[in-house]
PDB file of N, CA and C in Angstrom:
ATOM      1  N   MET A   1      17.681 -16.831 -30.838  1.00  0.00           N
ATOM      2  CA  MET A   1      18.226 -17.941 -30.102  1.00  0.00           C
ATOM      3  C   MET A   1      17.947 -17.707 -28.624  1.00  0.00           C
ATOM      4  N   LEU A   2      17.501 -18.733 -27.960  1.00  0.00           N
ATOM      5  CA  LEU A   2      17.136 -18.636 -26.548  1.00  0.00           C
ATOM      6  C   LEU A   2      17.939 -19.649 -25.745  1.00  0.00           C
ATOM      7  N   TYR A   3      18.633 -19.173 -24.733  1.00  0.00           N
ATOM      8  CA  TYR A   3      19.375 -20.030 -23.818  1.00  0.00           C
ATOM      9  C   TYR A   3      18.752 -19.915 -22.436  1.00  0.00           C
ATOM     10  N   VAL A   4      18.728 -21.004 -21.716  1.00  0.00           N
ATOM     11  CA  VAL A   4      18.319 -21.002 -20.317  1.00  0.00           C
ATOM     12  C   VAL A   4      19.589 -21.259 -19.521  1.00  0.00           C
ATOM     13  N   ILE A   5      19.917 -20.335 -18.624  1.00  0.00           N
ATOM     14  CA  ILE A   5      21.194 -20.387 -17.912  1.00  0.00           C
ATOM     15  C   ILE A   5      20.954 -20.442 -16.416  1.00  0.00           C
ATOM     16  N   GLY A   6      21.616 -21.371 -15.757  1.00  0.00           N
ATOM     17  CA  GLY A   6      21.625 -21.414 -14.302  1.00  0.00           C
ATOM     18  C   GLY A   6      22.748 -20.532 -13.795  1.00  0.00           C
ATOM     19  N   ILE A   7      22.454 -19.700 -12.821  1.00  0.00           N
ATOM     20  CA  ILE A   7      23.484 -18.781 -12.324  1.00  0.00           C
ATOM     21  C   ILE A   7      24.079 -19.230 -11.000  1.00  0.00           C
ATOM     22  N   GLY A   8      23.760 -20.429 -10.567  1.00  0.00           N
ATOM     23  CA  GLY A   8      24.345 -20.948  -9.337  1.00  0.00           C
ATOM     24  C   GLY A   8      23.691 -20.381  -8.097  1.00  0.00           C
ATOM     25  N   PRO A   9      24.382 -20.504  -6.970  1.00  0.00           N
ATOM     26  CA  PRO A   9      23.787 -20.128  -5.691  1.00  0.00           C
ATOM     27  C   PRO A   9      23.802 -18.630  -5.382  1.00  0.00           C
ATOM     28  N   GLY A  10      24.245 -17.799  -6.313  1.00  0.00           N
ATOM     29  CA  GLY A  10      24.140 -16.371  -6.071  1.00  0.00           C
ATOM     30  C   GLY A  10      25.409 -15.571  -6.182  1.00  0.00           C
ATOM     31  N   SER A  11      26.548 -16.206  -6.135  1.00  0.00           N
ATOM     32  CA  SER A  11      27.810 -15.496  -6.258  1.00  0.00           C
ATOM     33  C   SER A  11      28.354 -15.690  -7.668  1.00  0.00           C
ATOM     34  N   GLN A  12      28.759 -14.610  -8.298  1.00  0.00           N
ATOM     35  CA  GLN A  12      29.309 -14.719  -9.649  1.00  0.00           C
ATOM     36  C   GLN A  12      30.526 -15.637  -9.672  1.00  0.00           C
ATOM     37  N   SER A  13      31.272 -15.703  -8.584  1.00  0.00           N
ATOM     38  CA  SER A  13      32.451 -16.575  -8.532  1.00  0.00           C
ATOM     39  C   SER A  13      32.080 -18.052  -8.610  1.00  0.00           C
ATOM     40  N   MET A  14      30.821 -18.387  -8.386  1.00  0.00           N
ATOM     41  CA  MET A  14      30.377 -19.778  -8.444  1.00  0.00           C
ATOM     42  C   MET A  14      29.694 -20.117  -9.768  1.00  0.00           C
ATOM     43  N   MET A  15      29.616 -19.150 -10.671  1.00  0.00           N
ATOM     44  CA  MET A  15      29.027 -19.400 -11.985  1.00  0.00           C
ATOM     45  C   MET A  15      30.058 -20.067 -12.888  1.00  0.00           C
ATOM     46  N   THR A  16      29.580 -20.875 -13.829  1.00  0.00           N
ATOM     47  CA  THR A  16      30.502 -21.466 -14.792  1.00  0.00           C
ATOM     48  C   THR A  16      30.948 -20.396 -15.784  1.00  0.00           C
ATOM     49  N   LEU A  17      32.098 -20.614 -16.377  1.00  0.00           N
ATOM     50  CA  LEU A  17      32.578 -19.690 -17.403  1.00  0.00           C
ATOM     51  C   LEU A  17      31.621 -19.655 -18.590  1.00  0.00           C
ATOM     52  N   GLU A  18      31.013 -20.798 -18.898  1.00  0.00           N
ATOM     53  CA  GLU A  18      30.053 -20.857 -19.994  1.00  0.00           C
ATOM     54  C   GLU A  18      28.839 -19.974 -19.708  1.00  0.00           C
ATOM     55  N   ALA A  19      28.371 -19.960 -18.470  1.00  0.00           N
ATOM     56  CA  ALA A  19      27.233 -19.117 -18.102  1.00  0.00           C
ATOM     57  C   ALA A  19      27.597 -17.640 -18.224  1.00  0.00           C
ATOM     58  N   ILE A  20      28.773 -17.278 -17.760  1.00  0.00           N
ATOM     59  CA  ILE A  20      29.224 -15.885 -17.844  1.00  0.00           C
ATOM     60  C   ILE A  20      29.335 -15.451 -19.302  1.00  0.00           C
ATOM     61  N   GLU A  21      29.944 -16.287 -20.136  1.00  0.00           N
ATOM     62  CA  GLU A  21      30.084 -15.966 -21.556  1.00  0.00           C
ATOM     63  C   GLU A  21      28.729 -15.853 -22.252  1.00  0.00           C
ATOM     64  N   ALA A  22      27.810 -16.734 -21.917  1.00  0.00           N
ATOM     65  CA  ALA A  22      26.481 -16.689 -22.531  1.00  0.00           C
ATOM     66  C   ALA A  22      25.769 -15.384 -22.184  1.00  0.00           C
ATOM     67  N   ILE A  23      25.891 -14.951 -20.949  1.00  0.00           N
ATOM     68  CA  ILE A  23      25.276 -13.683 -20.537  1.00  0.00           C
ATOM     69  C   ILE A  23      25.936 -12.519 -21.269  1.00  0.00           C
ATOM     70  N   ARG A  24      27.254 -12.538 -21.363  1.00  0.00           N
ATOM     71  CA  ARG A  24      27.967 -11.458 -22.066  1.00  0.00           C
ATOM     72  C   ARG A  24      27.601 -11.403 -23.544  1.00  0.00           C
ATOM     73  N   ASP A  25      27.281 -12.552 -24.137  1.00  0.00           N
ATOM     74  CA  ASP A  25      26.976 -12.634 -25.559  1.00  0.00           C
ATOM     75  C   ASP A  25      25.519 -12.288 -25.881  1.00  0.00           C
ATOM     76  N   ALA A  26      24.697 -12.156 -24.887  1.00  0.00           N
ATOM     77  CA  ALA A  26      23.259 -11.951 -25.099  1.00  0.00           C
ATOM     78  C   ALA A  26      22.939 -10.534 -25.557  1.00  0.00           C
ATOM     79  N   ASP A  27      21.863 -10.420 -26.319  1.00  0.00           N
ATOM     80  CA  ASP A  27      21.292  -9.107 -26.625  1.00  0.00           C
ATOM     81  C   ASP A  27      20.384  -8.664 -25.482  1.00  0.00           C
ATOM     82  N   ILE A  28      19.627  -9.617 -24.959  1.00  0.00           N
ATOM     83  CA  ILE A  28      18.602  -9.338 -23.954  1.00  0.00           C
ATOM     84  C   ILE A  28      18.668 -10.402 -22.865  1.00  0.00           C
ATOM     85  N   ILE A  29      18.501  -9.978 -21.625  1.00  0.00           N
ATOM     86  CA  ILE A  29      18.424 -10.884 -20.484  1.00  0.00           C
ATOM     87  C   ILE A  29      16.982 -10.845 -19.981  1.00  0.00           C
ATOM     88  N   VAL A  30      16.385 -12.010 -19.807  1.00  0.00           N
ATOM     89  CA  VAL A  30      15.015 -12.104 -19.301  1.00  0.00           C
ATOM     90  C   VAL A  30      15.049 -12.959 -18.052  1.00  0.00           C
ATOM     91  N   GLY A  31      14.482 -12.461 -16.950  1.00  0.00           N
ATOM     92  CA  GLY A  31      14.500 -13.273 -15.741  1.00  0.00           C
ATOM     93  C   GLY A  31      13.716 -12.682 -14.585  1.00  0.00           C
ATOM     94  N   TYR A  32      13.692 -13.445 -13.534  1.00  0.00           N
ATOM     95  CA  TYR A  32      13.093 -13.037 -12.265  1.00  0.00           C
ATOM     96  C   TYR A  32      13.950 -11.915 -11.693  1.00  0.00           C
ATOM     97  N   LYS A  33      13.322 -10.835 -11.244  1.00  0.00           N
ATOM     98  CA  LYS A  33      14.075  -9.631 -10.868  1.00  0.00           C
ATOM     99  C   LYS A  33      15.136  -9.876  -9.801  1.00  0.00           C
ATOM    100  N   THR A  34      14.884 -10.741  -8.845  1.00  0.00           N
ATOM    101  CA  THR A  34      15.889 -11.023  -7.816  1.00  0.00           C
ATOM    102  C   THR A  34      17.131 -11.654  -8.435  1.00  0.00           C
ATOM    103  N   TYR A  35      16.930 -12.550  -9.393  1.00  0.00           N
ATOM    104  CA  TYR A  35      18.062 -13.231 -10.023  1.00  0.00           C
ATOM    105  C   TYR A  35      18.790 -12.326 -11.009  1.00  0.00           C
ATOM    106  N   THR A  36      18.059 -11.475 -11.734  1.00  0.00           N
ATOM    107  CA  THR A  36      18.746 -10.561 -12.646  1.00  0.00           C
ATOM    108  C   THR A  36      19.619  -9.583 -11.862  1.00  0.00           C
ATOM    109  N   HIS A  37      19.199  -9.250 -10.658  1.00  0.00           N
ATOM    110  CA  HIS A  37      20.012  -8.373  -9.810  1.00  0.00           C
ATOM    111  C   HIS A  37      21.338  -9.040  -9.439  1.00  0.00           C
ATOM    112  N   LEU A  38      21.334 -10.357  -9.273  1.00  0.00           N
ATOM    113  CA  LEU A  38      22.551 -11.081  -8.895  1.00  0.00           C
ATOM    114  C   LEU A  38      23.618 -11.044  -9.982  1.00  0.00           C
ATOM    115  N   VAL A  39      23.217 -10.844 -11.231  1.00  0.00           N
ATOM    116  CA  VAL A  39      24.184 -10.796 -12.332  1.00  0.00           C
ATOM    117  C   VAL A  39      24.263  -9.391 -12.944  1.00  0.00           C
ATOM    118  N   LYS A  40      23.866  -8.405 -12.179  1.00  0.00           N
ATOM    119  CA  LYS A  40      23.811  -7.026 -12.668  1.00  0.00           C
ATOM    120  C   LYS A  40      25.142  -6.549 -13.242  1.00  0.00           C
ATOM    121  N   ALA A  41      26.247  -6.949 -12.656  1.00  0.00           N
ATOM    122  CA  ALA A  41      27.558  -6.523 -13.148  1.00  0.00           C
ATOM    123  C   ALA A  41      27.822  -7.008 -14.570  1.00  0.00           C
ATOM    124  N   LEU A  42      27.185  -8.095 -14.961  1.00  0.00           N
ATOM    125  CA  LEU A  42      27.373  -8.646 -16.307  1.00  0.00           C
ATOM    126  C   LEU A  42      26.374  -8.089 -17.317  1.00  0.00           C
ATOM    127  N   THR A  43      25.400  -7.326 -16.849  1.00  0.00           N
ATOM    128  CA  THR A  43      24.308  -6.909 -17.734  1.00  0.00           C
ATOM    129  C   THR A  43      24.167  -5.396 -17.874  1.00  0.00           C
ATOM    130  N   THR A  44      25.175  -4.645 -17.488  1.00  0.00           N
ATOM    131  CA  THR A  44      25.042  -3.184 -17.502  1.00  0.00           C
ATOM    132  C   THR A  44      24.802  -2.624 -18.897  1.00  0.00           C
ATOM    133  N   ASP A  45      25.268  -3.319 -19.936  1.00  0.00           N
ATOM    134  CA  ASP A  45      25.084  -2.835 -21.304  1.00  0.00           C
ATOM    135  C   ASP A  45      24.009  -3.618 -22.057  1.00  0.00           C
ATOM    136  N   LYS A  46      23.154  -4.329 -21.320  1.00  0.00           N
ATOM    137  CA  LYS A  46      22.126  -5.185 -21.917  1.00  0.00           C
ATOM    138  C   LYS A  46      20.734  -4.639 -21.637  1.00  0.00           C
ATOM    139  N   GLU A  47      19.815  -4.994 -22.512  1.00  0.00           N
ATOM    140  CA  GLU A  47      18.410  -4.794 -22.176  1.00  0.00           C
ATOM    141  C   GLU A  47      18.042  -5.920 -21.220  1.00  0.00           C
ATOM    142  N   VAL A  48      17.456  -5.575 -20.085  1.00  0.00           N
ATOM    143  CA  VAL A  48      17.071  -6.573 -19.088  1.00  0.00           C
ATOM    144  C   VAL A  48      15.563  -6.486 -18.881  1.00  0.00           C
ATOM    145  N   ILE A  49      14.896  -7.597 -19.116  1.00  0.00           N
ATOM    146  CA  ILE A  49      13.457  -7.692 -18.881  1.00  0.00           C
ATOM    147  C   ILE A  49      13.285  -8.534 -17.632  1.00  0.00           C
ATOM    148  N   LYS A  50      12.743  -7.926 -16.589  1.00  0.00           N
ATOM    149  CA  LYS A  50      12.611  -8.638 -15.321  1.00  0.00           C
ATOM    150  C   LYS A  50      11.192  -8.526 -14.805  1.00  0.00           C
ATOM    151  N   THR A  51      10.759  -9.585 -14.155  1.00  0.00           N
ATOM    152  CA  THR A  51       9.424  -9.607 -13.576  1.00  0.00           C
ATOM    153  C   THR A  51       9.505 -10.183 -12.176  1.00  0.00           C
ATOM    154  N   GLY A  52       8.431  -9.995 -11.442  1.00  0.00           N
ATOM    155  CA  GLY A  52       8.362 -10.520 -10.089  1.00  0.00           C
ATOM    156  C   GLY A  52       7.868 -11.954 -10.056  1.00  0.00           C
ATOM    157  N   MET A  53       7.620 -12.404  -8.855  1.00  0.00           N
ATOM    158  CA  MET A  53       7.115 -13.759  -8.666  1.00  0.00           C
ATOM    159  C   MET A  53       5.753 -13.916  -9.329  1.00  0.00           C
ATOM    160  N   CYS A  54       5.444 -15.136  -9.688  1.00  0.00           N
ATOM    161  CA  CYS A  54       4.156 -15.513 -10.294  1.00  0.00           C
ATOM    162  C   CYS A  54       3.986 -14.972 -11.707  1.00  0.00           C
ATOM    163  N   LYS A  55       5.047 -14.544 -12.340  1.00  0.00           N
ATOM    164  CA  LYS A  55       4.989 -14.033 -13.715  1.00  0.00           C
ATOM    165  C   LYS A  55       5.803 -14.918 -14.661  1.00  0.00           C
ATOM    166  N   GLU A  56       6.023 -16.168 -14.279  1.00  0.00           N
ATOM    167  CA  GLU A  56       6.865 -17.061 -15.061  1.00  0.00           C
ATOM    168  C   GLU A  56       6.330 -17.274 -16.473  1.00  0.00           C
ATOM    169  N   ILE A  57       5.031 -17.474 -16.604  1.00  0.00           N
ATOM    170  CA  ILE A  57       4.443 -17.731 -17.921  1.00  0.00           C
ATOM    171  C   ILE A  57       4.619 -16.515 -18.825  1.00  0.00           C
ATOM    172  N   GLU A  58       4.320 -15.329 -18.318  1.00  0.00           N
ATOM    173  CA  GLU A  58       4.469 -14.114 -19.107  1.00  0.00           C
ATOM    174  C   GLU A  58       5.927 -13.895 -19.500  1.00  0.00           C
ATOM    175  N   ARG A  59       6.838 -14.157 -18.576  1.00  0.00           N
ATOM    176  CA  ARG A  59       8.270 -13.993 -18.836  1.00  0.00           C
ATOM    177  C   ARG A  59       8.716 -14.948 -19.949  1.00  0.00           C
ATOM    178  N   CYS A  60       8.262 -16.180 -19.903  1.00  0.00           N
ATOM    179  CA  CYS A  60       8.611 -17.167 -20.936  1.00  0.00           C
ATOM    180  C   CYS A  60       8.009 -16.790 -22.281  1.00  0.00           C
ATOM    181  N   GLN A  61       6.769 -16.321 -22.284  1.00  0.00           N
ATOM    182  CA  GLN A  61       6.137 -15.903 -23.539  1.00  0.00           C
ATOM    183  C   GLN A  61       6.894 -14.746 -24.173  1.00  0.00           C
ATOM    184  N   GLU A  62       7.293 -13.779 -23.372  1.00  0.00           N
ATOM    185  CA  GLU A  62       8.057 -12.633 -23.875  1.00  0.00           C
ATOM    186  C   GLU A  62       9.388 -13.098 -24.447  1.00  0.00           C
ATOM    187  N   ALA A  63      10.070 -13.993 -23.743  1.00  0.00           N
ATOM    188  CA  ALA A  63      11.350 -14.508 -24.221  1.00  0.00           C
ATOM    189  C   ALA A  63      11.187 -15.240 -25.550  1.00  0.00           C
ATOM    190  N   LEU A  64      10.173 -16.063 -25.669  1.00  0.00           N
ATOM    191  CA  LEU A  64       9.939 -16.791 -26.921  1.00  0.00           C
ATOM    192  C   LEU A  64       9.614 -15.842 -28.065  1.00  0.00           C
ATOM    193  N   ASN A  65       8.807 -14.831 -27.810  1.00  0.00           N
ATOM    194  CA  ASN A  65       8.482 -13.841 -28.842  1.00  0.00           C
ATOM    195  C   ASN A  65       9.736 -13.123 -29.336  1.00  0.00           C
ATOM    196  N   LEU A  66      10.615 -12.750 -28.427  1.00  0.00           N
ATOM    197  CA  LEU A  66      11.851 -12.068 -28.811  1.00  0.00           C
ATOM    198  C   LEU A  66      12.788 -13.000 -29.572  1.00  0.00           C
ATOM    199  N   ALA A  67      12.851 -14.264 -29.175  1.00  0.00           N
ATOM    200  CA  ALA A  67      13.694 -15.241 -29.873  1.00  0.00           C
ATOM    201  C   ALA A  67      13.218 -15.429 -31.312  1.00  0.00           C
ATOM    202  N   VAL A  68      11.908 -15.463 -31.509  1.00  0.00           N
ATOM    203  CA  VAL A  68      11.345 -15.598 -32.857  1.00  0.00           C
ATOM    204  C   VAL A  68      11.749 -14.400 -33.724  1.00  0.00           C
ATOM    205  N   GLN A  69      11.931 -13.240 -33.106  1.00  0.00           N
ATOM    206  CA  GLN A  69      12.349 -12.033 -33.825  1.00  0.00           C
ATOM    207  C   GLN A  69      13.844 -12.035 -34.136  1.00  0.00           C
ATOM    208  N   GLY A  70      14.558 -13.076 -33.690  1.00  0.00           N
ATOM    209  CA  GLY A  70      15.983 -13.187 -33.984  1.00  0.00           C
ATOM    210  C   GLY A  70      16.906 -12.640 -32.910  1.00  0.00           C
ATOM    211  N   LYS A  71      16.376 -12.259 -31.772  1.00  0.00           N
ATOM    212  CA  LYS A  71      17.203 -11.751 -30.679  1.00  0.00           C
ATOM    213  C   LYS A  71      17.925 -12.902 -29.985  1.00  0.00           C
ATOM    214  N   LYS A  72      19.101 -12.605 -29.433  1.00  0.00           N
ATOM    215  CA  LYS A  72      19.832 -13.584 -28.628  1.00  0.00           C
ATOM    216  C   LYS A  72      19.481 -13.337 -27.169  1.00  0.00           C
ATOM    217  N   LEU A  73      18.761 -14.271 -26.591  1.00  0.00           N
ATOM    218  CA  LEU A  73      18.289 -14.115 -25.216  1.00  0.00           C
ATOM    219  C   LEU A  73      18.967 -15.099 -24.296  1.00  0.00           C
ATOM    220  N   ARG A  74      19.148 -14.661 -23.085  1.00  0.00           N
ATOM    221  CA  ARG A  74      19.678 -15.536 -22.040  1.00  0.00           C
ATOM    222  C   ARG A  74      18.816 -15.356 -20.832  1.00  0.00           C
TER     223      ARG A  74
END
């Protein structure tokens, strides 16, 4: 299962409860490294796959491959 989650303007206090719960429920977090750093407190026990700028296609392909394997991704 693959979810796409908006994390807001950068402060965890501005995230929706649904976004926080979705991140907590994930097996794996896939995202742009700057944004994954913003939610680091929620992902300490998660596998985090992060890439830099201009790697959006590769990041999406990796996420889709993992979802096909039955992983819960956010």
